[in-house]
Amino acid sequence: MDFNFSWLPELFKYDNRKSIEEYYNEVYEIFKRDFITSKPVLFGKNIGLQKEPMVNGKPQTFHHMTTEDICNNKNKQSKLRNIAFDRCERIA
């Protein structure tokens, strides 16, 4: 089976010319455009997101979508998360 994914936006890859913080802020601008400002719809239903609590001035949902748990022990709840570049580059 051959799938055509040409309709997907280009990946927004991190380049080493900017800081990770700068990149993450740019990813957030894409998130705002696509999930907050545009009010997306899927299968005729509005897609909402949880805007509270805020984490470093950004909705917790954004952080959940763009970071991953760094705790290897699945039985232990960890609030420590690292930026997940593979998630960030697909945010659009």
C-alpha atoms as a PDB file:
ATOM      1  CA  MET A   1       0.000   0.000   0.000  1.00  0.00           C
ATOM      2  CA  ASP A   2       1.388   3.384  -0.997  1.00  0.00           C
ATOM      3  CA  PHE A   3       0.434   6.423   1.050  1.00  0.00           C
ATOM      4  CA  ASN A   4       0.656   9.987  -0.183  1.00  0.00           C
ATOM      5  CA  PHE A   5       1.649  12.366   2.591  1.00  0.00           C
ATOM      6  CA  SER A   6       2.383  15.338   0.342  1.00  0.00           C
ATOM      7  CA  TRP A   7      -0.351  17.384   2.054  1.00  0.00           C
ATOM      8  CA  LEU A   8       1.553  17.390   5.355  1.00  0.00           C
ATOM      9  CA  PRO A   9       3.515  20.533   6.218  1.00  0.00           C
ATOM     10  CA  GLU A  10       7.305  20.410   6.178  1.00  0.00           C
ATOM     11  CA  LEU A  11       9.038  19.406   9.383  1.00  0.00           C
ATOM     12  CA  PHE A  12      10.191  22.337  11.494  1.00  0.00           C
ATOM     13  CA  LYS A  13      13.629  21.015  12.378  1.00  0.00           C
ATOM     14  CA  TYR A  14      15.970  22.449  14.961  1.00  0.00           C
ATOM     15  CA  ASP A  15      19.131  23.939  13.528  1.00  0.00           C
ATOM     16  CA  ASN A  16      22.142  24.632  15.658  1.00  0.00           C
ATOM     17  CA  ARG A  17      22.248  28.280  14.578  1.00  0.00           C
ATOM     18  CA  LYS A  18      19.757  29.205  17.273  1.00  0.00           C
ATOM     19  CA  SER A  19      19.389  28.374  20.919  1.00  0.00           C
ATOM     20  CA  ILE A  20      17.036  25.616  22.015  1.00  0.00           C
ATOM     21  CA  GLU A  21      14.981  28.228  23.879  1.00  0.00           C
ATOM     22  CA  GLU A  22      14.654  30.297  20.689  1.00  0.00           C
ATOM     23  CA  TYR A  23      13.585  27.191  18.740  1.00  0.00           C
ATOM     24  CA  TYR A  24      11.072  26.184  21.430  1.00  0.00           C
ATOM     25  CA  ASN A  25       9.539  29.679  21.346  1.00  0.00           C
ATOM     26  CA  GLU A  26       9.197  29.415  17.549  1.00  0.00           C
ATOM     27  CA  VAL A  27       7.519  26.006  17.972  1.00  0.00           C
ATOM     28  CA  TYR A  28       5.120  27.681  20.405  1.00  0.00           C
ATOM     29  CA  GLU A  29       4.243  30.326  17.811  1.00  0.00           C
ATOM     30  CA  ILE A  30       3.304  27.530  15.372  1.00  0.00           C
ATOM     31  CA  PHE A  31       1.264  25.853  18.126  1.00  0.00           C
ATOM     32  CA  LYS A  32      -0.576  29.118  18.849  1.00  0.00           C
ATOM     33  CA  ARG A  33      -1.307  29.644  15.144  1.00  0.00           C
ATOM     34  CA  ASP A  34      -2.557  26.094  14.570  1.00  0.00           C
ATOM     35  CA  PHE A  35      -4.297  25.260  17.856  1.00  0.00           C
ATOM     36  CA  ILE A  36      -5.327  28.529  19.524  1.00  0.00           C
ATOM     37  CA  THR A  37      -5.835  31.214  16.873  1.00  0.00           C
ATOM     38  CA  SER A  38      -7.204  29.010  14.088  1.00  0.00           C
ATOM     39  CA  LYS A  39      -9.742  27.026  16.163  1.00  0.00           C
ATOM     40  CA  PRO A  40      -9.169  23.700  14.332  1.00  0.00           C
ATOM     41  CA  VAL A  41     -11.971  21.249  13.489  1.00  0.00           C
ATOM     42  CA  LEU A  42     -11.638  17.479  13.038  1.00  0.00           C
ATOM     43  CA  PHE A  43     -14.491  15.393  11.622  1.00  0.00           C
ATOM     44  CA  GLY A  44     -16.835  18.329  12.164  1.00  0.00           C
ATOM     45  CA  LYS A  45     -15.946  18.739  15.838  1.00  0.00           C
ATOM     46  CA  ASN A  46     -14.029  21.605  17.386  1.00  0.00           C
ATOM     47  CA  ILE A  47     -10.676  20.646  18.851  1.00  0.00           C
ATOM     48  CA  GLY A  48     -10.189  22.239  22.227  1.00  0.00           C
ATOM     49  CA  LEU A  49      -7.163  22.295  24.440  1.00  0.00           C
ATOM     50  CA  GLN A  50      -6.570  22.800  28.086  1.00  0.00           C
ATOM     51  CA  LYS A  51      -5.014  26.222  28.552  1.00  0.00           C
ATOM     52  CA  GLU A  52      -4.528  25.942  32.321  1.00  0.00           C
ATOM     53  CA  PRO A  53      -2.324  25.391  34.137  1.00  0.00           C
ATOM     54  CA  MET A  54       0.293  27.572  32.512  1.00  0.00           C
ATOM     55  CA  VAL A  55       3.907  26.397  32.519  1.00  0.00           C
ATOM     56  CA  ASN A  56       6.499  29.113  31.910  1.00  0.00           C
ATOM     57  CA  GLY A  57       3.803  31.293  30.332  1.00  0.00           C
ATOM     58  CA  LYS A  58       2.610  28.587  27.920  1.00  0.00           C
ATOM     59  CA  PRO A  59      -0.363  26.195  28.239  1.00  0.00           C
ATOM     60  CA  GLN A  60       0.467  22.871  29.877  1.00  0.00           C
ATOM     61  CA  THR A  61      -0.975  21.136  26.791  1.00  0.00           C
ATOM     62  CA  PHE A  62       1.802  22.645  24.670  1.00  0.00           C
ATOM     63  CA  HIS A  63       4.459  21.294  27.019  1.00  0.00           C
ATOM     64  CA  HIS A  64       2.781  17.886  27.073  1.00  0.00           C
ATOM     65  CA  MET A  65       2.769  17.770  23.259  1.00  0.00           C
ATOM     66  CA  THR A  66       6.387  18.913  22.825  1.00  0.00           C
ATOM     67  CA  THR A  67       8.255  17.232  25.681  1.00  0.00           C
ATOM     68  CA  GLU A  68       8.689  13.723  27.026  1.00  0.00           C
ATOM     69  CA  ASP A  69       9.036  12.254  30.487  1.00  0.00           C
ATOM     70  CA  ILE A  70      12.689  11.655  31.338  1.00  0.00           C
ATOM     71  CA  CYS A  71      11.935   9.164  34.096  1.00  0.00           C
ATOM     72  CA  ASN A  72      12.762   5.614  32.952  1.00  0.00           C
ATOM     73  CA  ASN A  73      10.881   3.950  35.787  1.00  0.00           C
ATOM     74  CA  LYS A  74       7.240   3.810  34.636  1.00  0.00           C
ATOM     75  CA  ASN A  75       6.042   3.195  38.203  1.00  0.00           C
ATOM     76  CA  LYS A  76       7.464   6.502  39.386  1.00  0.00           C
ATOM     77  CA  GLN A  77       5.671   9.712  38.485  1.00  0.00           C
ATOM     78  CA  SER A  78       8.145  12.293  37.274  1.00  0.00           C
ATOM     79  CA  LYS A  79       7.492  15.925  36.530  1.00  0.00           C
ATOM     80  CA  LEU A  80      10.846  16.199  34.771  1.00  0.00           C
ATOM     81  CA  ARG A  81      10.462  16.478  31.018  1.00  0.00           C
ATOM     82  CA  ASN A  82      12.896  17.117  28.184  1.00  0.00           C
ATOM     83  CA  ILE A  83      12.142  18.755  24.876  1.00  0.00           C
ATOM     84  CA  ALA A  84      11.217  16.101  22.297  1.00  0.00           C
ATOM     85  CA  PHE A  85      12.629  17.363  19.015  1.00  0.00           C
ATOM     86  CA  ASP A  86      10.740  14.727  16.997  1.00  0.00           C
ATOM     87  CA  ARG A  87       7.459  16.037  18.458  1.00  0.00           C
ATOM     88  CA  CYS A  88       8.425  19.696  18.005  1.00  0.00           C
ATOM     89  CA  GLU A  89       9.322  19.313  14.349  1.00  0.00           C
ATOM     90  CA  ARG A  90       5.851  17.865  13.653  1.00  0.00           C
ATOM     91  CA  ILE A  91       3.862  20.517  15.545  1.00  0.00           C
ATOM     92  CA  ALA A  92       2.396  22.187  12.436  1.00  0.00           C
END
